[in-house]
Amino acid sequence: VQPIFTKWMLLDLAGNVGILLVGLIGYRISKR
């Protein structure tokens, strides 16, 4: 929308995907 970031900020996006996945998978494993 307001293009300030370069494609390198996809590292941050990848980190955020990792945070979401670890949170969801961690929830399931921790429940078990």
Full PDB file with SEQRES, HELIX, SHEET, SSBOND, CRYST1, ORIGX, SCALE, CONECT and MASTER records, all heavy atoms in Angstrom:
SEQRES   1 A   32  VAL GLN PRO ILE PHE THR LYS TRP MET LEU LEU ASP LEU          
SEQRES   2 A   32  ALA GLY ASN VAL GLY ILE LEU LEU VAL GLY LEU ILE GLY          
SEQRES   3 A   32  TYR ARG ILE SER LYS ARG                                      
HELIX    1 AA1 LYS A    7  MET A    9  5                                   3    
HELIX    2 AA2 LEU A   10  LYS A   31  1                                  22    
CRYST1    1.000    1.000    1.000  90.00  90.00  90.00 P 1           1          
ORIGX1      1.000000  0.000000  0.000000        0.00000                         
ORIGX2      0.000000  1.000000  0.000000        0.00000                         
ORIGX3      0.000000  0.000000  1.000000        0.00000                         
SCALE1      1.000000  0.000000  0.000000        0.00000                         
SCALE2      0.000000  1.000000  0.000000        0.00000                         
SCALE3      0.000000  0.000000  1.000000        0.00000                         
ATOM      1  N   VAL A   1       0.831  -1.208   0.000  1.00  0.00           N  
ATOM      2  CA  VAL A   1       0.000   0.000   0.000  1.00  0.00           C  
ATOM      3  C   VAL A   1       0.865   1.258   0.000  1.00  0.00           C  
ATOM      4  O   VAL A   1       0.710   2.126  -0.850  1.00  0.00           O  
ATOM      5  CB  VAL A   1      -0.965   0.003   1.210  1.00  0.00           C  
ATOM      6  CG1 VAL A   1      -1.782   1.283   1.259  1.00  0.00           C  
ATOM      7  CG2 VAL A   1      -1.879  -1.215   1.162  1.00  0.00           C  
ATOM      8  N   GLN A   2       1.729   1.367   0.960  1.00  0.00           N  
ATOM      9  CA  GLN A   2       2.665   2.483   1.080  1.00  0.00           C  
ATOM     10  C   GLN A   2       4.065   1.882   0.945  1.00  0.00           C  
ATOM     11  O   GLN A   2       4.701   1.578   1.943  1.00  0.00           O  
ATOM     12  CB  GLN A   2       2.483   3.167   2.447  1.00  0.00           C  
ATOM     13  CG  GLN A   2       3.394   4.329   2.720  1.00  0.00           C  
ATOM     14  CD  GLN A   2       3.055   5.534   1.877  1.00  0.00           C  
ATOM     15  OE1 GLN A   2       1.905   5.789   1.578  1.00  0.00           O  
ATOM     16  NE2 GLN A   2       4.064   6.261   1.462  1.00  0.00           N  
ATOM     17  N   PRO A   3       4.534   1.659  -0.277  1.00  0.00           N  
ATOM     18  CA  PRO A   3       5.759   0.871  -0.483  1.00  0.00           C  
ATOM     19  C   PRO A   3       7.026   1.552   0.049  1.00  0.00           C  
ATOM     20  O   PRO A   3       7.632   2.370  -0.628  1.00  0.00           O  
ATOM     21  CB  PRO A   3       5.824   0.658  -1.985  1.00  0.00           C  
ATOM     22  CG  PRO A   3       4.850   1.590  -2.595  1.00  0.00           C  
ATOM     23  CD  PRO A   3       3.934   2.088  -1.527  1.00  0.00           C  
ATOM     24  N   ILE A   4       7.379   1.175   1.253  1.00  0.00           N  
ATOM     25  CA  ILE A   4       8.597   1.666   1.886  1.00  0.00           C  
ATOM     26  C   ILE A   4       9.632   0.550   1.975  1.00  0.00           C  
ATOM     27  O   ILE A   4      10.824   0.792   1.866  1.00  0.00           O  
ATOM     28  CB  ILE A   4       8.283   2.257   3.277  1.00  0.00           C  
ATOM     29  CG1 ILE A   4       7.459   3.537   3.111  1.00  0.00           C  
ATOM     30  CG2 ILE A   4       9.550   2.516   4.080  1.00  0.00           C  
ATOM     31  CD1 ILE A   4       6.999   4.162   4.414  1.00  0.00           C  
ATOM     32  N   PHE A   5       9.168  -0.686   2.154  1.00  0.00           N  
ATOM     33  CA  PHE A   5      10.072  -1.821   2.332  1.00  0.00           C  
ATOM     34  C   PHE A   5      10.524  -2.409   0.998  1.00  0.00           C  
ATOM     35  O   PHE A   5       9.801  -2.383   0.015  1.00  0.00           O  
ATOM     36  CB  PHE A   5       9.391  -2.939   3.123  1.00  0.00           C  
ATOM     37  CG  PHE A   5       9.086  -2.589   4.553  1.00  0.00           C  
ATOM     38  CD1 PHE A   5       7.951  -3.083   5.154  1.00  0.00           C  
ATOM     39  CD2 PHE A   5       9.924  -1.783   5.299  1.00  0.00           C  
ATOM     40  CE1 PHE A   5       7.659  -2.781   6.472  1.00  0.00           C  
ATOM     41  CE2 PHE A   5       9.645  -1.475   6.615  1.00  0.00           C  
ATOM     42  CZ  PHE A   5       8.499  -1.984   7.205  1.00  0.00           C  
ATOM     43  N   THR A   6      11.728  -2.983   1.020  1.00  0.00           N  
ATOM     44  CA  THR A   6      12.250  -3.731  -0.124  1.00  0.00           C  
ATOM     45  C   THR A   6      11.896  -5.210   0.054  1.00  0.00           C  
ATOM     46  O   THR A   6      11.331  -5.613   1.080  1.00  0.00           O  
ATOM     47  CB  THR A   6      13.782  -3.608  -0.212  1.00  0.00           C  
ATOM     48  OG1 THR A   6      14.358  -4.292   0.912  1.00  0.00           O  
ATOM     49  CG2 THR A   6      14.232  -2.160  -0.238  1.00  0.00           C  
ATOM     50  N   LYS A   7      12.284  -6.005  -0.915  1.00  0.00           N  
ATOM     51  CA  LYS A   7      12.040  -7.454  -0.818  1.00  0.00           C  
ATOM     52  C   LYS A   7      12.787  -8.087   0.347  1.00  0.00           C  
ATOM     53  O   LYS A   7      12.405  -9.156   0.810  1.00  0.00           O  
ATOM     54  CB  LYS A   7      12.409  -8.141  -2.134  1.00  0.00           C  
ATOM     55  CG  LYS A   7      11.440  -7.782  -3.224  1.00  0.00           C  
ATOM     56  CD  LYS A   7      11.720  -8.516  -4.499  1.00  0.00           C  
ATOM     57  CE  LYS A   7      10.718  -7.966  -5.498  1.00  0.00           C  
ATOM     58  NZ  LYS A   7      10.511  -8.666  -6.652  1.00  0.00           N  
ATOM     59  N   TRP A   8      13.828  -7.439   0.839  1.00  0.00           N  
ATOM     60  CA  TRP A   8      14.549  -7.967   1.994  1.00  0.00           C  
ATOM     61  C   TRP A   8      13.652  -8.037   3.224  1.00  0.00           C  
ATOM     62  O   TRP A   8      13.905  -8.827   4.135  1.00  0.00           O  
ATOM     63  CB  TRP A   8      15.789  -7.119   2.298  1.00  0.00           C  
ATOM     64  CG  TRP A   8      16.955  -7.500   1.453  1.00  0.00           C  
ATOM     65  CD1 TRP A   8      17.351  -6.915   0.286  1.00  0.00           C  
ATOM     66  CD2 TRP A   8      17.868  -8.561   1.702  1.00  0.00           C  
ATOM     67  NE1 TRP A   8      18.461  -7.554  -0.209  1.00  0.00           N  
ATOM     68  CE2 TRP A   8      18.804  -8.573   0.645  1.00  0.00           C  
ATOM     69  CE3 TRP A   8      17.998  -9.509   2.709  1.00  0.00           C  
ATOM     70  CZ2 TRP A   8      19.843  -9.494   0.579  1.00  0.00           C  
ATOM     71  CZ3 TRP A   8      19.037 -10.414   2.645  1.00  0.00           C  
ATOM     72  CH2 TRP A   8      19.938 -10.402   1.589  1.00  0.00           C  
ATOM     73  N   MET A   9      12.617  -7.223   3.267  1.00  0.00           N  
ATOM     74  CA  MET A   9      11.695  -7.282   4.411  1.00  0.00           C  
ATOM     75  C   MET A   9      10.893  -8.571   4.403  1.00  0.00           C  
ATOM     76  O   MET A   9      10.200  -8.876   5.364  1.00  0.00           O  
ATOM     77  CB  MET A   9      10.750  -6.079   4.425  1.00  0.00           C  
ATOM     78  CG  MET A   9      11.236  -4.936   5.288  1.00  0.00           C  
ATOM     79  SD  MET A   9      11.740  -5.390   6.945  1.00  0.00           S  
ATOM     80  CE  MET A   9      10.253  -5.099   7.842  1.00  0.00           C  
ATOM     81  N   LEU A  10      11.012  -9.336   3.334  1.00  0.00           N  
ATOM     82  CA  LEU A  10      10.380 -10.655   3.335  1.00  0.00           C  
ATOM     83  C   LEU A  10      11.014 -11.553   4.400  1.00  0.00           C  
ATOM     84  O   LEU A  10      10.398 -12.521   4.830  1.00  0.00           O  
ATOM     85  CB  LEU A  10      10.452 -11.282   1.944  1.00  0.00           C  
ATOM     86  CG  LEU A  10       9.664 -10.542   0.865  1.00  0.00           C  
ATOM     87  CD1 LEU A  10       9.866 -11.219  -0.495  1.00  0.00           C  
ATOM     88  CD2 LEU A  10       8.194 -10.446   1.209  1.00  0.00           C  
ATOM     89  N   LEU A  11      12.228 -11.215   4.853  1.00  0.00           N  
ATOM     90  CA  LEU A  11      12.819 -11.924   5.994  1.00  0.00           C  
ATOM     91  C   LEU A  11      11.947 -11.744   7.227  1.00  0.00           C  
ATOM     92  O   LEU A  11      11.738 -12.681   8.001  1.00  0.00           O  
ATOM     93  CB  LEU A  11      14.228 -11.402   6.288  1.00  0.00           C  
ATOM     94  CG  LEU A  11      15.351 -11.850   5.374  1.00  0.00           C  
ATOM     95  CD1 LEU A  11      16.635 -11.118   5.732  1.00  0.00           C  
ATOM     96  CD2 LEU A  11      15.539 -13.348   5.464  1.00  0.00           C  
ATOM     97  N   ASP A  12      11.445 -10.520   7.421  1.00  0.00           N  
ATOM     98  CA  ASP A  12      10.550 -10.259   8.550  1.00  0.00           C  
ATOM     99  C   ASP A  12       9.256 -11.037   8.373  1.00  0.00           C  
ATOM    100  O   ASP A  12       8.744 -11.636   9.324  1.00  0.00           O  
ATOM    101  CB  ASP A  12      10.266  -8.757   8.663  1.00  0.00           C  
ATOM    102  CG  ASP A  12       9.491  -8.402   9.910  1.00  0.00           C  
ATOM    103  OD1 ASP A  12       9.995  -8.682  11.024  1.00  0.00           O  
ATOM    104  OD2 ASP A  12       8.379  -7.853   9.786  1.00  0.00           O  
ATOM    105  N   LEU A  13       8.733 -11.040   7.155  1.00  0.00           N  
ATOM    106  CA  LEU A  13       7.521 -11.814   6.880  1.00  0.00           C  
ATOM    107  C   LEU A  13       7.756 -13.297   7.159  1.00  0.00           C  
ATOM    108  O   LEU A  13       6.914 -13.962   7.782  1.00  0.00           O  
ATOM    109  CB  LEU A  13       7.077 -11.609   5.432  1.00  0.00           C  
ATOM    110  CG  LEU A  13       5.845 -12.396   4.979  1.00  0.00           C  
ATOM    111  CD1 LEU A  13       4.620 -11.970   5.771  1.00  0.00           C  
ATOM    112  CD2 LEU A  13       5.613 -12.206   3.493  1.00  0.00           C  
ATOM    113  N   ALA A  14       8.902 -13.817   6.737  1.00  0.00           N  
ATOM    114  CA  ALA A  14       9.224 -15.226   7.008  1.00  0.00           C  
ATOM    115  C   ALA A  14       9.312 -15.475   8.513  1.00  0.00           C  
ATOM    116  O   ALA A  14       8.842 -16.508   9.009  1.00  0.00           O  
ATOM    117  CB  ALA A  14      10.539 -15.606   6.325  1.00  0.00           C  
ATOM    118  N   GLY A  15       9.900 -14.530   9.232  1.00  0.00           N  
ATOM    119  CA  GLY A  15       9.945 -14.653  10.688  1.00  0.00           C  
ATOM    120  C   GLY A  15       8.561 -14.681  11.297  1.00  0.00           C  
ATOM    121  O   GLY A  15       8.274 -15.462  12.211  1.00  0.00           O  
ATOM    122  N   ASN A  16       7.667 -13.848  10.768  1.00  0.00           N  
ATOM    123  CA  ASN A  16       6.292 -13.818  11.276  1.00  0.00           C  
ATOM    124  C   ASN A  16       5.537 -15.109  10.959  1.00  0.00           C  
ATOM    125  O   ASN A  16       4.759 -15.588  11.777  1.00  0.00           O  
ATOM    126  CB  ASN A  16       5.544 -12.600  10.715  1.00  0.00           C  
ATOM    127  CG  ASN A  16       6.115 -11.305  11.237  1.00  0.00           C  
ATOM    128  OD1 ASN A  16       6.625 -11.231  12.341  1.00  0.00           O  
ATOM    129  ND2 ASN A  16       6.061 -10.266  10.418  1.00  0.00           N  
ATOM    130  N   VAL A  17       5.781 -15.672   9.783  1.00  0.00           N  
ATOM    131  CA  VAL A  17       5.196 -16.976   9.446  1.00  0.00           C  
ATOM    132  C   VAL A  17       5.722 -18.026  10.427  1.00  0.00           C  
ATOM    133  O   VAL A  17       4.961 -18.857  10.945  1.00  0.00           O  
ATOM    134  CB  VAL A  17       5.484 -17.368   7.987  1.00  0.00           C  
ATOM    135  CG1 VAL A  17       5.118 -18.819   7.713  1.00  0.00           C  
ATOM    136  CG2 VAL A  17       4.747 -16.440   7.024  1.00  0.00           C  
ATOM    137  N   GLY A  18       7.033 -17.968  10.702  1.00  0.00           N  
ATOM    138  CA  GLY A  18       7.626 -18.885  11.673  1.00  0.00           C  
ATOM    139  C   GLY A  18       7.008 -18.743  13.048  1.00  0.00           C  
ATOM    140  O   GLY A  18       6.714 -19.736  13.723  1.00  0.00           O  
ATOM    141  N   ILE A  19       6.771 -17.510  13.483  1.00  0.00           N  
ATOM    142  CA  ILE A  19       6.153 -17.261  14.787  1.00  0.00           C  
ATOM    143  C   ILE A  19       4.755 -17.868  14.832  1.00  0.00           C  
ATOM    144  O   ILE A  19       4.383 -18.529  15.801  1.00  0.00           O  
ATOM    145  CB  ILE A  19       6.120 -15.749  15.085  1.00  0.00           C  
ATOM    146  CG1 ILE A  19       7.538 -15.233  15.331  1.00  0.00           C  
ATOM    147  CG2 ILE A  19       5.217 -15.434  16.277  1.00  0.00           C  
ATOM    148  CD1 ILE A  19       7.663 -13.725  15.290  1.00  0.00           C  
ATOM    149  N   LEU A  20       3.981 -17.657  13.773  1.00  0.00           N  
ATOM    150  CA  LEU A  20       2.624 -18.214  13.728  1.00  0.00           C  
ATOM    151  C   LEU A  20       2.667 -19.736  13.757  1.00  0.00           C  
ATOM    152  O   LEU A  20       1.951 -20.372  14.542  1.00  0.00           O  
ATOM    153  CB  LEU A  20       1.888 -17.725  12.480  1.00  0.00           C  
ATOM    154  CG  LEU A  20       0.468 -18.266  12.284  1.00  0.00           C  
ATOM    155  CD1 LEU A  20      -0.440 -17.861  13.441  1.00  0.00           C  
ATOM    156  CD2 LEU A  20      -0.105 -17.783  10.962  1.00  0.00           C  
ATOM    157  N   LEU A  21       3.502 -20.334  12.914  1.00  0.00           N  
ATOM    158  CA  LEU A  21       3.573 -21.801  12.860  1.00  0.00           C  
ATOM    159  C   LEU A  21       4.059 -22.401  14.171  1.00  0.00           C  
ATOM    160  O   LEU A  21       3.483 -23.378  14.663  1.00  0.00           O  
ATOM    161  CB  LEU A  21       4.479 -22.248  11.708  1.00  0.00           C  
ATOM    162  CG  LEU A  21       3.929 -22.003  10.305  1.00  0.00           C  
ATOM    163  CD1 LEU A  21       4.969 -22.365   9.257  1.00  0.00           C  
ATOM    164  CD2 LEU A  21       2.643 -22.764  10.091  1.00  0.00           C  
ATOM    165  N   VAL A  22       5.106 -21.825  14.752  1.00  0.00           N  
ATOM    166  CA  VAL A  22       5.610 -22.329  16.029  1.00  0.00           C  
ATOM    167  C   VAL A  22       4.540 -22.192  17.104  1.00  0.00           C  
ATOM    168  O   VAL A  22       4.354 -23.096  17.923  1.00  0.00           O  
ATOM    169  CB  VAL A  22       6.918 -21.615  16.436  1.00  0.00           C  
ATOM    170  CG1 VAL A  22       7.279 -21.905  17.884  1.00  0.00           C  
ATOM    171  CG2 VAL A  22       8.056 -22.033  15.521  1.00  0.00           C  
ATOM    172  N   GLY A  23       3.823 -21.082  17.086  1.00  0.00           N  
ATOM    173  CA  GLY A  23       2.758 -20.900  18.070  1.00  0.00           C  
ATOM    174  C   GLY A  23       1.659 -21.941  17.939  1.00  0.00           C  
ATOM    175  O   GLY A  23       1.227 -22.535  18.936  1.00  0.00           O  
ATOM    176  N   LEU A  24       1.214 -22.195  16.725  1.00  0.00           N  
ATOM    177  CA  LEU A  24       0.124 -23.157  16.511  1.00  0.00           C  
ATOM    178  C   LEU A  24       0.574 -24.598  16.763  1.00  0.00           C  
ATOM    179  O   LEU A  24      -0.119 -25.377  17.422  1.00  0.00           O  
ATOM    180  CB  LEU A  24      -0.440 -23.003  15.092  1.00  0.00           C  
ATOM    181  CG  LEU A  24      -1.114 -21.663  14.797  1.00  0.00           C  
ATOM    182  CD1 LEU A  24      -1.532 -21.589  13.330  1.00  0.00           C  
ATOM    183  CD2 LEU A  24      -2.287 -21.396  15.723  1.00  0.00           C  
ATOM    184  N   ILE A  25       1.748 -24.927  16.235  1.00  0.00           N  
ATOM    185  CA  ILE A  25       2.265 -26.288  16.445  1.00  0.00           C  
ATOM    186  C   ILE A  25       2.630 -26.487  17.918  1.00  0.00           C  
ATOM    187  O   ILE A  25       2.351 -27.535  18.500  1.00  0.00           O  
ATOM    188  CB  ILE A  25       3.463 -26.569  15.516  1.00  0.00           C  
ATOM    189  CG1 ILE A  25       2.997 -26.561  14.056  1.00  0.00           C  
ATOM    190  CG2 ILE A  25       4.129 -27.893  15.864  1.00  0.00           C  
ATOM    191  CD1 ILE A  25       4.129 -26.508  13.040  1.00  0.00           C  
ATOM    192  N   GLY A  26       3.242 -25.465  18.509  1.00  0.00           N  
ATOM    193  CA  GLY A  26       3.592 -25.535  19.931  1.00  0.00           C  
ATOM    194  C   GLY A  26       2.370 -25.719  20.808  1.00  0.00           C  
ATOM    195  O   GLY A  26       2.402 -26.451  21.799  1.00  0.00           O  
ATOM    196  N   TYR A  27       1.278 -25.066  20.447  1.00  0.00           N  
ATOM    197  CA  TYR A  27       0.021 -25.222  21.186  1.00  0.00           C  
ATOM    198  C   TYR A  27      -0.414 -26.687  21.168  1.00  0.00           C  
ATOM    199  O   TYR A  27      -0.722 -27.266  22.212  1.00  0.00           O  
ATOM    200  CB  TYR A  27      -1.059 -24.321  20.576  1.00  0.00           C  
ATOM    201  CG  TYR A  27      -2.429 -24.571  21.133  1.00  0.00           C  
ATOM    202  CD1 TYR A  27      -2.789 -24.068  22.380  1.00  0.00           C  
ATOM    203  CD2 TYR A  27      -3.377 -25.313  20.429  1.00  0.00           C  
ATOM    204  CE1 TYR A  27      -4.049 -24.293  22.903  1.00  0.00           C  
ATOM    205  CE2 TYR A  27      -4.631 -25.549  20.941  1.00  0.00           C  
ATOM    206  CZ  TYR A  27      -4.966 -25.034  22.182  1.00  0.00           C  
ATOM    207  OH  TYR A  27      -6.215 -25.273  22.702  1.00  0.00           O  
ATOM    208  N   ARG A  28      -0.424 -27.280  19.987  1.00  0.00           N  
ATOM    209  CA  ARG A  28      -0.867 -28.685  19.869  1.00  0.00           C  
ATOM    210  C   ARG A  28       0.053 -29.641  20.617  1.00  0.00           C  
ATOM    211  O   ARG A  28      -0.405 -30.525  21.337  1.00  0.00           O  
ATOM    212  CB  ARG A  28      -0.961 -29.079  18.394  1.00  0.00           C  
ATOM    213  CG  ARG A  28      -2.079 -28.317  17.673  1.00  0.00           C  
ATOM    214  CD  ARG A  28      -2.230 -28.744  16.261  1.00  0.00           C  
ATOM    215  NE  ARG A  28      -2.724 -30.116  16.238  1.00  0.00           N  
ATOM    216  CZ  ARG A  28      -2.655 -30.912  15.193  1.00  0.00           C  
ATOM    217  NH1 ARG A  28      -2.111 -30.473  14.078  1.00  0.00           N  
ATOM    218  NH2 ARG A  28      -3.117 -32.128  15.233  1.00  0.00           N  
ATOM    219  N   ILE A  29       1.349 -29.471  20.451  1.00  0.00           N  
ATOM    220  CA  ILE A  29       2.299 -30.361  21.119  1.00  0.00           C  
ATOM    221  C   ILE A  29       2.241 -30.171  22.631  1.00  0.00           C  
ATOM    222  O   ILE A  29       2.234 -31.140  23.388  1.00  0.00           O  
ATOM    223  CB  ILE A  29       3.728 -30.137  20.579  1.00  0.00           C  
ATOM    224  CG1 ILE A  29       3.820 -30.658  19.136  1.00  0.00           C  
ATOM    225  CG2 ILE A  29       4.766 -30.819  21.470  1.00  0.00           C  
ATOM    226  CD1 ILE A  29       5.120 -30.349  18.449  1.00  0.00           C  
ATOM    227  N   SER A  30       2.186 -28.931  23.055  1.00  0.00           N  
ATOM    228  CA  SER A  30       2.145 -28.644  24.487  1.00  0.00           C  
ATOM    229  C   SER A  30       0.871 -29.204  25.132  1.00  0.00           C  
ATOM    230  O   SER A  30       0.900 -29.681  26.267  1.00  0.00           O  
ATOM    231  CB  SER A  30       2.243 -27.128  24.714  1.00  0.00           C  
ATOM    232  OG  SER A  30       2.338 -26.818  26.066  1.00  0.00           O  
ATOM    233  N   LYS A  31      -0.235 -29.145  24.402  1.00  0.00           N  
ATOM    234  CA  LYS A  31      -1.501 -29.725  24.898  1.00  0.00           C  
ATOM    235  C   LYS A  31      -1.346 -31.231  25.107  1.00  0.00           C  
ATOM    236  O   LYS A  31      -1.856 -31.776  26.085  1.00  0.00           O  
ATOM    237  CB  LYS A  31      -2.648 -29.475  23.925  1.00  0.00           C  
ATOM    238  CG  LYS A  31      -3.289 -28.140  24.059  1.00  0.00           C  
ATOM    239  CD  LYS A  31      -4.118 -28.089  25.299  1.00  0.00           C  
ATOM    240  CE  LYS A  31      -5.544 -27.773  24.944  1.00  0.00           C  
ATOM    241  NZ  LYS A  31      -6.298 -27.400  26.136  1.00  0.00           N  
ATOM    242  N   ARG A  32      -0.647 -31.899  24.179  1.00  0.00           N  
ATOM    243  CA  ARG A  32      -0.408 -33.343  24.323  1.00  0.00           C  
ATOM    244  C   ARG A  32       0.523 -33.632  25.488  1.00  0.00           C  
ATOM    245  O   ARG A  32       0.344 -34.604  26.206  1.00  0.00           O  
ATOM    246  CB  ARG A  32       0.166 -33.927  23.032  1.00  0.00           C  
ATOM    247  CG  ARG A  32      -0.880 -34.152  21.962  1.00  0.00           C  
ATOM    248  CD  ARG A  32      -0.365 -35.083  20.870  1.00  0.00           C  
ATOM    249  NE  ARG A  32       0.916 -34.688  20.328  1.00  0.00           N  
ATOM    250  CZ  ARG A  32       1.100 -34.074  19.160  1.00  0.00           C  
ATOM    251  NH1 ARG A  32       0.056 -33.799  18.410  1.00  0.00           N  
ATOM    252  NH2 ARG A  32       2.290 -33.766  18.740  1.00  0.00           N  
TER     253      ARG A  32                                                      
MASTER        0    0    0    2    0    0    0    6  252    1    0    3          
END                                                                             
